[in-house]
PDB file of N, CA and C in Angstrom:
ATOM      1  N   MET A   1     -13.167 106.342 -42.171  1.00  0.00           N
ATOM      2  CA  MET A   1     -13.546 105.226 -41.231  1.00  0.00           C
ATOM      3  C   MET A   1     -12.657 104.624 -40.466  1.00  0.00           C
ATOM      4  N   PRO A   2     -12.375 105.185 -38.692  1.00  0.00           N
ATOM      5  CA  PRO A   2     -11.636 105.088 -37.997  1.00  0.00           C
ATOM      6  C   PRO A   2     -10.960 103.582 -37.917  1.00  0.00           C
ATOM      7  N   VAL A   3     -10.158 103.206 -37.403  1.00  0.00           N
ATOM      8  CA  VAL A   3      -9.578 101.595 -37.143  1.00  0.00           C
ATOM      9  C   VAL A   3      -9.299 101.920 -35.917  1.00  0.00           C
ATOM     10  N   LEU A   4      -9.541 101.152 -34.965  1.00  0.00           N
ATOM     11  CA  LEU A   4      -8.811 101.187 -33.670  1.00  0.00           C
ATOM     12  C   LEU A   4      -7.720 100.092 -33.044  1.00  0.00           C
ATOM     13  N   GLN A   5      -6.702 100.613 -32.887  1.00  0.00           N
ATOM     14  CA  GLN A   5      -5.513  99.765 -33.090  1.00  0.00           C
ATOM     15  C   GLN A   5      -4.648 100.436 -31.595  1.00  0.00           C
ATOM     16  N   CYS A   6      -4.348  99.601 -30.942  1.00  0.00           N
ATOM     17  CA  CYS A   6      -3.734  99.696 -29.679  1.00  0.00           C
ATOM     18  C   CYS A   6      -2.501  98.402 -29.801  1.00  0.00           C
ATOM     19  N   THR A   7      -1.409  98.597 -28.863  1.00  0.00           N
ATOM     20  CA  THR A   7      -0.571  98.032 -29.282  1.00  0.00           C
ATOM     21  C   THR A   7      -0.103  97.899 -27.640  1.00  0.00           C
ATOM     22  N   CYS A   8       0.644  97.066 -27.387  1.00  0.00           N
ATOM     23  CA  CYS A   8       0.667  96.333 -26.066  1.00  0.00           C
ATOM     24  C   CYS A   8       1.084  97.534 -24.940  1.00  0.00           C
ATOM     25  N   ALA A   9       2.171  97.979 -25.825  1.00  0.00           N
ATOM     26  CA  ALA A   9       3.339  99.084 -24.644  1.00  0.00           C
ATOM     27  C   ALA A   9       2.033 100.314 -24.593  1.00  0.00           C
ATOM     28  N   PHE A  10       0.943 100.326 -25.348  1.00  0.00           N
ATOM     29  CA  PHE A  10       0.119 101.954 -25.179  1.00  0.00           C
ATOM     30  C   PHE A  10      -0.969 101.253 -23.948  1.00  0.00           C
ATOM     31  N   THR A  11      -0.991 100.195 -24.068  1.00  0.00           N
ATOM     32  CA  THR A  11      -2.407  99.202 -23.547  1.00  0.00           C
ATOM     33  C   THR A  11      -1.576  99.321 -21.864  1.00  0.00           C
ATOM     34  N   THR A  12      -0.526  98.567 -21.701  1.00  0.00           N
ATOM     35  CA  THR A  12       0.224  98.555 -20.098  1.00  0.00           C
ATOM     36  C   THR A  12       0.321  99.933 -19.974  1.00  0.00           C
ATOM     37  N   THR A  13       0.614 100.969 -20.757  1.00  0.00           N
ATOM     38  CA  THR A  13       1.075 102.446 -20.083  1.00  0.00           C
ATOM     39  C   THR A  13      -0.246 103.120 -19.669  1.00  0.00           C
ATOM     40  N   ALA A  14      -1.206 102.925 -20.265  1.00  0.00           N
ATOM     41  CA  ALA A  14      -2.222 103.398 -20.066  1.00  0.00           C
ATOM     42  C   ALA A  14      -3.248 102.898 -18.251  1.00  0.00           C
ATOM     43  N   LEU A  15      -2.951 101.584 -18.580  1.00  0.00           N
ATOM     44  CA  LEU A  15      -3.482 101.002 -17.410  1.00  0.00           C
ATOM     45  C   LEU A  15      -2.791 101.318 -16.203  1.00  0.00           C
ATOM     46  N   LYS A  16      -1.064 101.632 -16.294  1.00  0.00           N
ATOM     47  CA  LYS A  16      -0.317 101.889 -15.496  1.00  0.00           C
ATOM     48  C   LYS A  16      -0.710 103.002 -14.693  1.00  0.00           C
ATOM     49  N   PHE A  17      -1.514 104.086 -15.521  1.00  0.00           N
ATOM     50  CA  PHE A  17      -1.519 105.557 -14.811  1.00  0.00           C
ATOM     51  C   PHE A  17      -3.230 105.400 -14.339  1.00  0.00           C
ATOM     52  N   LEU A  18      -3.971 104.157 -14.316  1.00  0.00           N
ATOM     53  CA  LEU A  18      -5.200 104.310 -14.267  1.00  0.00           C
ATOM     54  C   LEU A  18      -5.645 104.311 -12.457  1.00  0.00           C
ATOM     55  N   SER A  19      -6.637 105.417 -12.700  1.00  0.00           N
ATOM     56  CA  SER A  19      -7.054 105.741 -11.191  1.00  0.00           C
ATOM     57  C   SER A  19      -7.838 104.764 -10.835  1.00  0.00           C
ATOM     58  N   PRO A  20      -7.553 104.221  -9.783  1.00  0.00           N
ATOM     59  CA  PRO A  20      -8.227 103.114  -8.770  1.00  0.00           C
ATOM     60  C   PRO A  20      -9.724 103.635  -8.455  1.00  0.00           C
ATOM     61  N   SER A  21     -10.057 104.834  -8.756  1.00  0.00           N
ATOM     62  CA  SER A  21     -11.015 105.310  -8.300  1.00  0.00           C
ATOM     63  C   SER A  21     -11.845 105.799  -9.835  1.00  0.00           C
ATOM     64  N   ALA A  22     -11.470 105.490 -10.762  1.00  0.00           N
ATOM     65  CA  ALA A  22     -12.185 105.930 -12.383  1.00  0.00           C
ATOM     66  C   ALA A  22     -13.288 105.477 -12.211  1.00  0.00           C
ATOM     67  N   ASP A  23     -14.306 106.383 -12.895  1.00  0.00           N
ATOM     68  CA  ASP A  23     -15.747 106.025 -12.592  1.00  0.00           C
ATOM     69  C   ASP A  23     -16.195 106.547 -14.598  1.00  0.00           C
ATOM     70  N   PRO A  24     -16.789 105.791 -15.123  1.00  0.00           N
ATOM     71  CA  PRO A  24     -16.605 104.153 -14.493  1.00  0.00           C
ATOM     72  C   PRO A  24     -15.474 103.456 -14.419  1.00  0.00           C
ATOM     73  N   PRO A  25     -15.499 102.032 -13.685  1.00  0.00           N
ATOM     74  CA  PRO A  25     -14.406 101.413 -13.263  1.00  0.00           C
ATOM     75  C   PRO A  25     -13.984 100.583 -14.708  1.00  0.00           C
ATOM     76  N   VAL A  26     -12.661 100.684 -14.976  1.00  0.00           N
ATOM     77  CA  VAL A  26     -12.123 100.299 -15.726  1.00  0.00           C
ATOM     78  C   VAL A  26     -11.996  98.660 -15.450  1.00  0.00           C
ATOM     79  N   PRO A  27     -12.244  97.491 -16.062  1.00  0.00           N
ATOM     80  CA  PRO A  27     -11.658  96.226 -16.166  1.00  0.00           C
ATOM     81  C   PRO A  27     -10.764  95.969 -16.582  1.00  0.00           C
ATOM     82  N   TRP A  28      -9.795  96.257 -15.896  1.00  0.00           N
ATOM     83  CA  TRP A  28      -8.313  96.097 -15.983  1.00  0.00           C
ATOM     84  C   TRP A  28      -7.948  94.767 -15.972  1.00  0.00           C
ATOM     85  N   GLN A  29      -8.704  93.600 -15.093  1.00  0.00           N
ATOM     86  CA  GLN A  29      -8.428  92.088 -14.947  1.00  0.00           C
ATOM     87  C   GLN A  29      -8.570  91.559 -16.485  1.00  0.00           C
ATOM     88  N   ARG A  30      -9.170  92.220 -17.035  1.00  0.00           N
ATOM     89  CA  ARG A  30      -9.314  91.503 -18.153  1.00  0.00           C
ATOM     90  C   ARG A  30      -8.503  91.280 -19.365  1.00  0.00           C
ATOM     91  N   VAL A  31      -7.545  92.267 -19.153  1.00  0.00           N
ATOM     92  CA  VAL A  31      -6.480  92.517 -20.070  1.00  0.00           C
ATOM     93  C   VAL A  31      -5.307  91.444 -19.889  1.00  0.00           C
ATOM     94  N   VAL A  32      -4.999  90.511 -20.942  1.00  0.00           N
ATOM     95  CA  VAL A  32      -4.401  89.403 -20.656  1.00  0.00           C
ATOM     96  C   VAL A  32      -3.534  89.399 -22.271  1.00  0.00           C
ATOM     97  N   SER A  33      -2.542  88.729 -21.965  1.00  0.00           N
ATOM     98  CA  SER A  33      -1.344  88.489 -23.582  1.00  0.00           C
ATOM     99  C   SER A  33      -2.226  87.676 -24.535  1.00  0.00           C
ATOM    100  N   SER A  34      -1.984  87.978 -25.662  1.00  0.00           N
ATOM    101  CA  SER A  34      -2.469  87.615 -26.992  1.00  0.00           C
ATOM    102  C   SER A  34      -2.298  85.745 -27.054  1.00  0.00           C
ATOM    103  N   THR A  35      -1.829  85.223 -25.946  1.00  0.00           N
ATOM    104  CA  THR A  35      -1.631  83.928 -25.559  1.00  0.00           C
ATOM    105  C   THR A  35      -2.585  83.411 -24.551  1.00  0.00           C
ATOM    106  N   GLY A  36      -3.210  84.343 -23.739  1.00  0.00           N
ATOM    107  CA  GLY A  36      -3.895  83.932 -22.619  1.00  0.00           C
ATOM    108  C   GLY A  36      -3.366  84.194 -21.275  1.00  0.00           C
ATOM    109  N   LYS A  37      -1.566  84.251 -21.313  1.00  0.00           N
ATOM    110  CA  LYS A  37      -0.850  84.496 -20.312  1.00  0.00           C
ATOM    111  C   LYS A  37      -1.461  85.865 -19.825  1.00  0.00           C
ATOM    112  N   ILE A  38      -1.749  85.834 -18.284  1.00  0.00           N
ATOM    113  CA  ILE A  38      -1.617  86.725 -17.189  1.00  0.00           C
ATOM    114  C   ILE A  38       0.059  87.170 -16.940  1.00  0.00           C
ATOM    115  N   SER A  39       0.034  88.649 -17.355  1.00  0.00           N
ATOM    116  CA  SER A  39       1.628  89.110 -16.967  1.00  0.00           C
ATOM    117  C   SER A  39       1.773  89.140 -15.835  1.00  0.00           C
ATOM    118  N   SER A  40       3.148  88.968 -15.733  1.00  0.00           N
ATOM    119  CA  SER A  40       3.632  88.989 -14.085  1.00  0.00           C
ATOM    120  C   SER A  40       3.937  90.520 -13.814  1.00  0.00           C
ATOM    121  N   ARG A  41       4.071  90.857 -12.862  1.00  0.00           N
ATOM    122  CA  ARG A  41       4.144  92.436 -12.382  1.00  0.00           C
ATOM    123  C   ARG A  41       5.496  92.574 -12.057  1.00  0.00           C
ATOM    124  N   GLY A  42       6.698  91.565 -11.780  1.00  0.00           N
ATOM    125  CA  GLY A  42       7.601  91.529 -11.635  1.00  0.00           C
ATOM    126  C   GLY A  42       7.888  90.679 -10.289  1.00  0.00           C
ATOM    127  N   PRO A  43       9.172  90.401  -9.875  1.00  0.00           N
ATOM    128  CA  PRO A  43       9.309  89.701  -8.505  1.00  0.00           C
ATOM    129  C   PRO A  43       9.075  90.316  -7.315  1.00  0.00           C
ATOM    130  N   GLY A  44       8.278  89.341  -6.481  1.00  0.00           N
ATOM    131  CA  GLY A  44       8.049  90.166  -4.949  1.00  0.00           C
ATOM    132  C   GLY A  44       6.702  90.924  -5.251  1.00  0.00           C
ATOM    133  N   THR A  45       5.751  91.139  -6.337  1.00  0.00           N
ATOM    134  CA  THR A  45       4.612  91.152  -6.518  1.00  0.00           C
ATOM    135  C   THR A  45       3.388  90.578  -6.176  1.00  0.00           C
ATOM    136  N   ASP A  46       2.271  91.079  -6.200  1.00  0.00           N
ATOM    137  CA  ASP A  46       1.140  90.027  -6.108  1.00  0.00           C
ATOM    138  C   ASP A  46       0.117  90.596  -7.446  1.00  0.00           C
ATOM    139  N   GLY A  47       0.331  90.829  -8.137  1.00  0.00           N
ATOM    140  CA  GLY A  47      -0.579  91.931  -9.260  1.00  0.00           C
ATOM    141  C   GLY A  47      -1.192  90.460 -10.035  1.00  0.00           C
ATOM    142  N   ALA A  48      -0.287  89.808 -10.504  1.00  0.00           N
ATOM    143  CA  ALA A  48      -0.948  88.488 -11.588  1.00  0.00           C
ATOM    144  C   ALA A  48      -1.826  87.736 -10.773  1.00  0.00           C
ATOM    145  N   GLN A  49      -1.600  87.416  -9.004  1.00  0.00           N
ATOM    146  CA  GLN A  49      -2.204  86.859  -7.994  1.00  0.00           C
ATOM    147  C   GLN A  49      -4.000  87.794  -7.835  1.00  0.00           C
ATOM    148  N   ARG A  50      -3.515  88.958  -7.879  1.00  0.00           N
ATOM    149  CA  ARG A  50      -4.987  89.788  -7.622  1.00  0.00           C
ATOM    150  C   ARG A  50      -5.875  89.455  -9.077  1.00  0.00           C
ATOM    151  N   GLN A  51      -4.958  89.870 -10.199  1.00  0.00           N
ATOM    152  CA  GLN A  51      -5.742  89.337 -11.887  1.00  0.00           C
ATOM    153  C   GLN A  51      -6.270  88.183 -11.053  1.00  0.00           C
ATOM    154  N   ARG A  52      -5.691  87.114 -11.488  1.00  0.00           N
ATOM    155  CA  ARG A  52      -6.316  86.200 -11.187  1.00  0.00           C
ATOM    156  C   ARG A  52      -7.644  85.662 -10.457  1.00  0.00           C
ATOM    157  N   GLU A  53      -7.355  86.579  -8.920  1.00  0.00           N
ATOM    158  CA  GLU A  53      -8.554  86.204  -8.264  1.00  0.00           C
ATOM    159  C   GLU A  53      -9.686  87.033  -8.998  1.00  0.00           C
ATOM    160  N   ALA A  54      -9.093  88.281  -9.604  1.00  0.00           N
ATOM    161  CA  ALA A  54     -10.647  88.897  -9.945  1.00  0.00           C
ATOM    162  C   ALA A  54     -11.007  88.537 -11.107  1.00  0.00           C
ATOM    163  N   LEU A  55     -10.527  87.766 -12.083  1.00  0.00           N
ATOM    164  CA  LEU A  55     -11.047  86.955 -13.171  1.00  0.00           C
ATOM    165  C   LEU A  55     -11.793  85.719 -12.868  1.00  0.00           C
ATOM    166  N   GLU A  56     -11.240  84.765 -11.698  1.00  0.00           N
ATOM    167  CA  GLU A  56     -12.011  84.276 -11.151  1.00  0.00           C
ATOM    168  C   GLU A  56     -13.500  84.432 -10.443  1.00  0.00           C
ATOM    169  N   ALA A  57     -13.306  85.706 -10.003  1.00  0.00           N
ATOM    170  CA  ALA A  57     -14.745  86.080  -9.065  1.00  0.00           C
ATOM    171  C   ALA A  57     -15.456  86.373 -10.479  1.00  0.00           C
ATOM    172  N   GLU A  58     -15.360  86.538 -11.724  1.00  0.00           N
ATOM    173  CA  GLU A  58     -16.031  86.520 -12.829  1.00  0.00           C
ATOM    174  C   GLU A  58     -16.619  85.402 -13.463  1.00  0.00           C
ATOM    175  N   ASP A  59     -16.327  84.280 -13.123  1.00  0.00           N
ATOM    176  CA  ASP A  59     -16.099  82.608 -13.191  1.00  0.00           C
ATOM    177  C   ASP A  59     -15.438  82.308 -14.353  1.00  0.00           C
ATOM    178  N   VAL A  60     -14.361  83.011 -14.484  1.00  0.00           N
ATOM    179  CA  VAL A  60     -13.484  82.017 -15.785  1.00  0.00           C
ATOM    180  C   VAL A  60     -12.024  81.966 -15.162  1.00  0.00           C
ATOM    181  N   GLU A  61     -12.183  80.557 -15.692  1.00  0.00           N
ATOM    182  CA  GLU A  61     -11.043  79.511 -15.544  1.00  0.00           C
ATOM    183  C   GLU A  61      -9.903  79.827 -15.278  1.00  0.00           C
ATOM    184  N   VAL A  62      -8.815  79.970 -14.637  1.00  0.00           N
ATOM    185  CA  VAL A  62      -7.746  80.261 -14.418  1.00  0.00           C
ATOM    186  C   VAL A  62      -6.437  79.009 -14.249  1.00  0.00           C
ATOM    187  N   ARG A  63      -6.010  78.674 -15.280  1.00  0.00           N
ATOM    188  CA  ARG A  63      -5.047  77.482 -14.940  1.00  0.00           C
ATOM    189  C   ARG A  63      -3.749  77.940 -14.656  1.00  0.00           C
ATOM    190  N   MET A  64      -2.697  76.479 -14.537  1.00  0.00           N
ATOM    191  CA  MET A  64      -1.530  77.391 -13.963  1.00  0.00           C
ATOM    192  C   MET A  64      -0.769  76.762 -15.341  1.00  0.00           C
ATOM    193  N   GLY A  65       0.470  77.213 -15.806  1.00  0.00           N
ATOM    194  CA  GLY A  65       0.965  77.035 -16.703  1.00  0.00           C
ATOM    195  C   GLY A  65       2.008  75.704 -17.046  1.00  0.00           C
ATOM    196  N   GLY A  66       2.014  75.163 -18.050  1.00  0.00           N
ATOM    197  CA  GLY A  66       2.925  73.750 -18.023  1.00  0.00           C
ATOM    198  C   GLY A  66       4.338  73.998 -18.517  1.00  0.00           C
ATOM    199  N   GLY A  67       5.138  73.055 -18.417  1.00  0.00           N
ATOM    200  CA  GLY A  67       6.363  73.236 -18.663  1.00  0.00           C
ATOM    201  C   GLY A  67       7.440  74.277 -17.886  1.00  0.00           C
ATOM    202  N   ALA A  68       8.088  75.181 -19.039  1.00  0.00           N
ATOM    203  CA  ALA A  68       9.012  75.684 -18.792  1.00  0.00           C
ATOM    204  C   ALA A  68       8.199  77.143 -17.768  1.00  0.00           C
ATOM    205  N   GLY A  69       6.764  77.579 -18.264  1.00  0.00           N
ATOM    206  CA  GLY A  69       6.041  78.229 -17.797  1.00  0.00           C
ATOM    207  C   GLY A  69       5.220  78.045 -16.746  1.00  0.00           C
ATOM    208  N   ALA A  70       5.796  77.196 -15.563  1.00  0.00           N
ATOM    209  CA  ALA A  70       4.624  76.162 -14.989  1.00  0.00           C
ATOM    210  C   ALA A  70       4.354  77.458 -13.488  1.00  0.00           C
ATOM    211  N   ASP A  71       4.775  78.791 -13.575  1.00  0.00           N
ATOM    212  CA  ASP A  71       4.472  79.826 -12.498  1.00  0.00           C
ATOM    213  C   ASP A  71       3.257  80.619 -13.247  1.00  0.00           C
ATOM    214  N   GLU A  72       3.047  80.127 -14.580  1.00  0.00           N
ATOM    215  CA  GLU A  72       2.449  81.145 -15.188  1.00  0.00           C
ATOM    216  C   GLU A  72       0.764  80.832 -15.074  1.00  0.00           C
ATOM    217  N   PHE A  73       0.010  82.073 -14.817  1.00  0.00           N
ATOM    218  CA  PHE A  73      -1.273  81.931 -14.988  1.00  0.00           C
ATOM    219  C   PHE A  73      -1.702  82.082 -16.521  1.00  0.00           C
ATOM    220  N   LEU A  74      -2.792  80.931 -16.798  1.00  0.00           N
ATOM    221  CA  LEU A  74      -3.263  80.994 -18.393  1.00  0.00           C
ATOM    222  C   LEU A  74      -4.733  80.685 -18.103  1.00  0.00           C
ATOM    223  N   ILE A  75      -5.386  81.721 -19.191  1.00  0.00           N
ATOM    224  CA  ILE A  75      -6.695  81.489 -19.711  1.00  0.00           C
ATOM    225  C   ILE A  75      -7.189  80.849 -21.056  1.00  0.00           C
ATOM    226  N   ASP A  76      -7.871  80.397 -21.363  1.00  0.00           N
ATOM    227  CA  ASP A  76      -8.194  79.882 -22.083  1.00  0.00           C
ATOM    228  C   ASP A  76      -8.929  80.847 -23.120  1.00  0.00           C
ATOM    229  N   LEU A  77      -8.552  81.281 -24.219  1.00  0.00           N
ATOM    230  CA  LEU A  77      -8.877  82.491 -25.237  1.00  0.00           C
ATOM    231  C   LEU A  77     -10.004  82.169 -25.761  1.00  0.00           C
ATOM    232  N   ALA A  78      -9.819  80.677 -25.833  1.00  0.00           N
ATOM    233  CA  ALA A  78     -11.135  79.932 -26.789  1.00  0.00           C
ATOM    234  C   ALA A  78     -12.688  79.681 -26.259  1.00  0.00           C
ATOM    235  N   ALA A  79     -12.209  80.018 -24.958  1.00  0.00           N
ATOM    236  CA  ALA A  79     -13.092  80.163 -24.061  1.00  0.00           C
ATOM    237  C   ALA A  79     -13.859  81.511 -23.577  1.00  0.00           C
ATOM    238  N   TYR A  80     -12.821  82.447 -23.587  1.00  0.00           N
ATOM    239  CA  TYR A  80     -12.942  83.633 -22.768  1.00  0.00           C
ATOM    240  C   TYR A  80     -12.422  84.927 -23.640  1.00  0.00           C
ATOM    241  N   GLY A  81     -12.355  84.600 -24.593  1.00  0.00           N
ATOM    242  CA  GLY A  81     -11.543  85.537 -25.447  1.00  0.00           C
ATOM    243  C   GLY A  81     -12.639  86.795 -26.332  1.00  0.00           C
ATOM    244  N   TRP A  82     -12.150  88.036 -26.351  1.00  0.00           N
ATOM    245  CA  TRP A  82     -13.475  88.914 -27.041  1.00  0.00           C
ATOM    246  C   TRP A  82     -12.336  88.960 -28.373  1.00  0.00           C
ATOM    247  N   PHE A  83     -13.496  88.724 -29.642  1.00  0.00           N
ATOM    248  CA  PHE A  83     -12.937  88.659 -31.044  1.00  0.00           C
ATOM    249  C   PHE A  83     -13.945  89.397 -31.846  1.00  0.00           C
ATOM    250  N   PRO A  84     -14.107  90.813 -31.526  1.00  0.00           N
ATOM    251  CA  PRO A  84     -15.635  91.410 -31.959  1.00  0.00           C
ATOM    252  C   PRO A  84     -14.976  91.480 -33.631  1.00  0.00           C
ATOM    253  N   ALA A  85     -16.154  91.300 -34.660  1.00  0.00           N
ATOM    254  CA  ALA A  85     -16.279  91.934 -35.913  1.00  0.00           C
ATOM    255  C   ALA A  85     -15.935  93.445 -36.226  1.00  0.00           C
ATOM    256  N   GLN A  86     -16.271  94.285 -35.455  1.00  0.00           N
ATOM    257  CA  GLN A  86     -16.179  95.407 -35.457  1.00  0.00           C
ATOM    258  C   GLN A  86     -16.155  95.933 -33.879  1.00  0.00           C
ATOM    259  N   VAL A  87     -15.804  97.316 -33.698  1.00  0.00           N
ATOM    260  CA  VAL A  87     -15.755  97.915 -32.201  1.00  0.00           C
ATOM    261  C   VAL A  87     -16.929  99.264 -32.519  1.00  0.00           C
ATOM    262  N   SER A  88     -17.096  99.577 -31.684  1.00  0.00           N
ATOM    263  CA  SER A  88     -17.891 101.021 -31.354  1.00  0.00           C
ATOM    264  C   SER A  88     -16.893 101.959 -30.594  1.00  0.00           C
ATOM    265  N   TRP A  89     -16.383 103.002 -31.200  1.00  0.00           N
ATOM    266  CA  TRP A  89     -15.394 104.015 -30.221  1.00  0.00           C
ATOM    267  C   TRP A  89     -15.789 105.278 -30.846  1.00  0.00           C
ATOM    268  N   ASN A  90     -15.908 106.076 -29.551  1.00  0.00           N
ATOM    269  CA  ASN A  90     -16.076 107.604 -29.981  1.00  0.00           C
ATOM    270  C   ASN A  90     -17.417 107.900 -30.923  1.00  0.00           C
ATOM    271  N   GLY A  91     -18.313 106.929 -30.986  1.00  0.00           N
ATOM    272  CA  GLY A  91     -19.556 107.246 -31.539  1.00  0.00           C
ATOM    273  C   GLY A  91     -19.342 107.044 -32.935  1.00  0.00           C
ATOM    274  N   ALA A  92     -18.515 106.443 -33.529  1.00  0.00           N
ATOM    275  CA  ALA A  92     -17.853 105.256 -34.749  1.00  0.00           C
ATOM    276  C   ALA A  92     -17.865 104.358 -34.800  1.00  0.00           C
ATOM    277  N   VAL A  93     -18.445 103.085 -35.842  1.00  0.00           N
ATOM    278  CA  VAL A  93     -18.226 101.957 -35.533  1.00  0.00           C
ATOM    279  C   VAL A  93     -17.024 101.553 -36.654  1.00  0.00           C
ATOM    280  N   ALA A  94     -15.831 100.622 -36.159  1.00  0.00           N
ATOM    281  CA  ALA A  94     -15.094 100.651 -37.017  1.00  0.00           C
ATOM    282  C   ALA A  94     -14.713  98.993 -36.847  1.00  0.00           C
ATOM    283  N   PRO A  95     -14.555  98.264 -37.862  1.00  0.00           N
ATOM    284  CA  PRO A  95     -14.192  97.056 -38.427  1.00  0.00           C
ATOM    285  C   PRO A  95     -12.723  96.726 -37.829  1.00  0.00           C
ATOM    286  N   VAL A  96     -12.866  95.166 -37.346  1.00  0.00           N
ATOM    287  CA  VAL A  96     -11.514  95.383 -36.804  1.00  0.00           C
ATOM    288  C   VAL A  96     -10.599  94.506 -37.805  1.00  0.00           C
ATOM    289  N   GLU A  97      -9.450  94.573 -38.142  1.00  0.00           N
ATOM    290  CA  GLU A  97      -8.418  94.308 -39.255  1.00  0.00           C
ATOM    291  C   GLU A  97      -7.494  93.196 -38.332  1.00  0.00           C
ATOM    292  N   GLU A  98      -7.506  92.159 -39.270  1.00  0.00           N
ATOM    293  CA  GLU A  98      -6.926  91.023 -38.764  1.00  0.00           C
ATOM    294  C   GLU A  98      -5.723  90.901 -39.013  1.00  0.00           C
TER     295      GLU A  98
END
């Protein structure tokens, strides 16, 4: 049985080349780090702010980070995270390994 495993690099590369006219649309705004952080797109970009706005439009609460990451956007994964016991992919059902 196949096991669905994706690395961060794979996910970000796939999203980088995602067409804005993808059909069906890909919910890119839902991809956050394993700590709930919305990743910066680099100095002078507004990608993190656009992601924050898209998540808030879906009623996801986004807060500002504290301490050293005071300029970071964070979400509460306990409240908004998706942790399935199994996933369906390409017609097969695979357990999620921890």
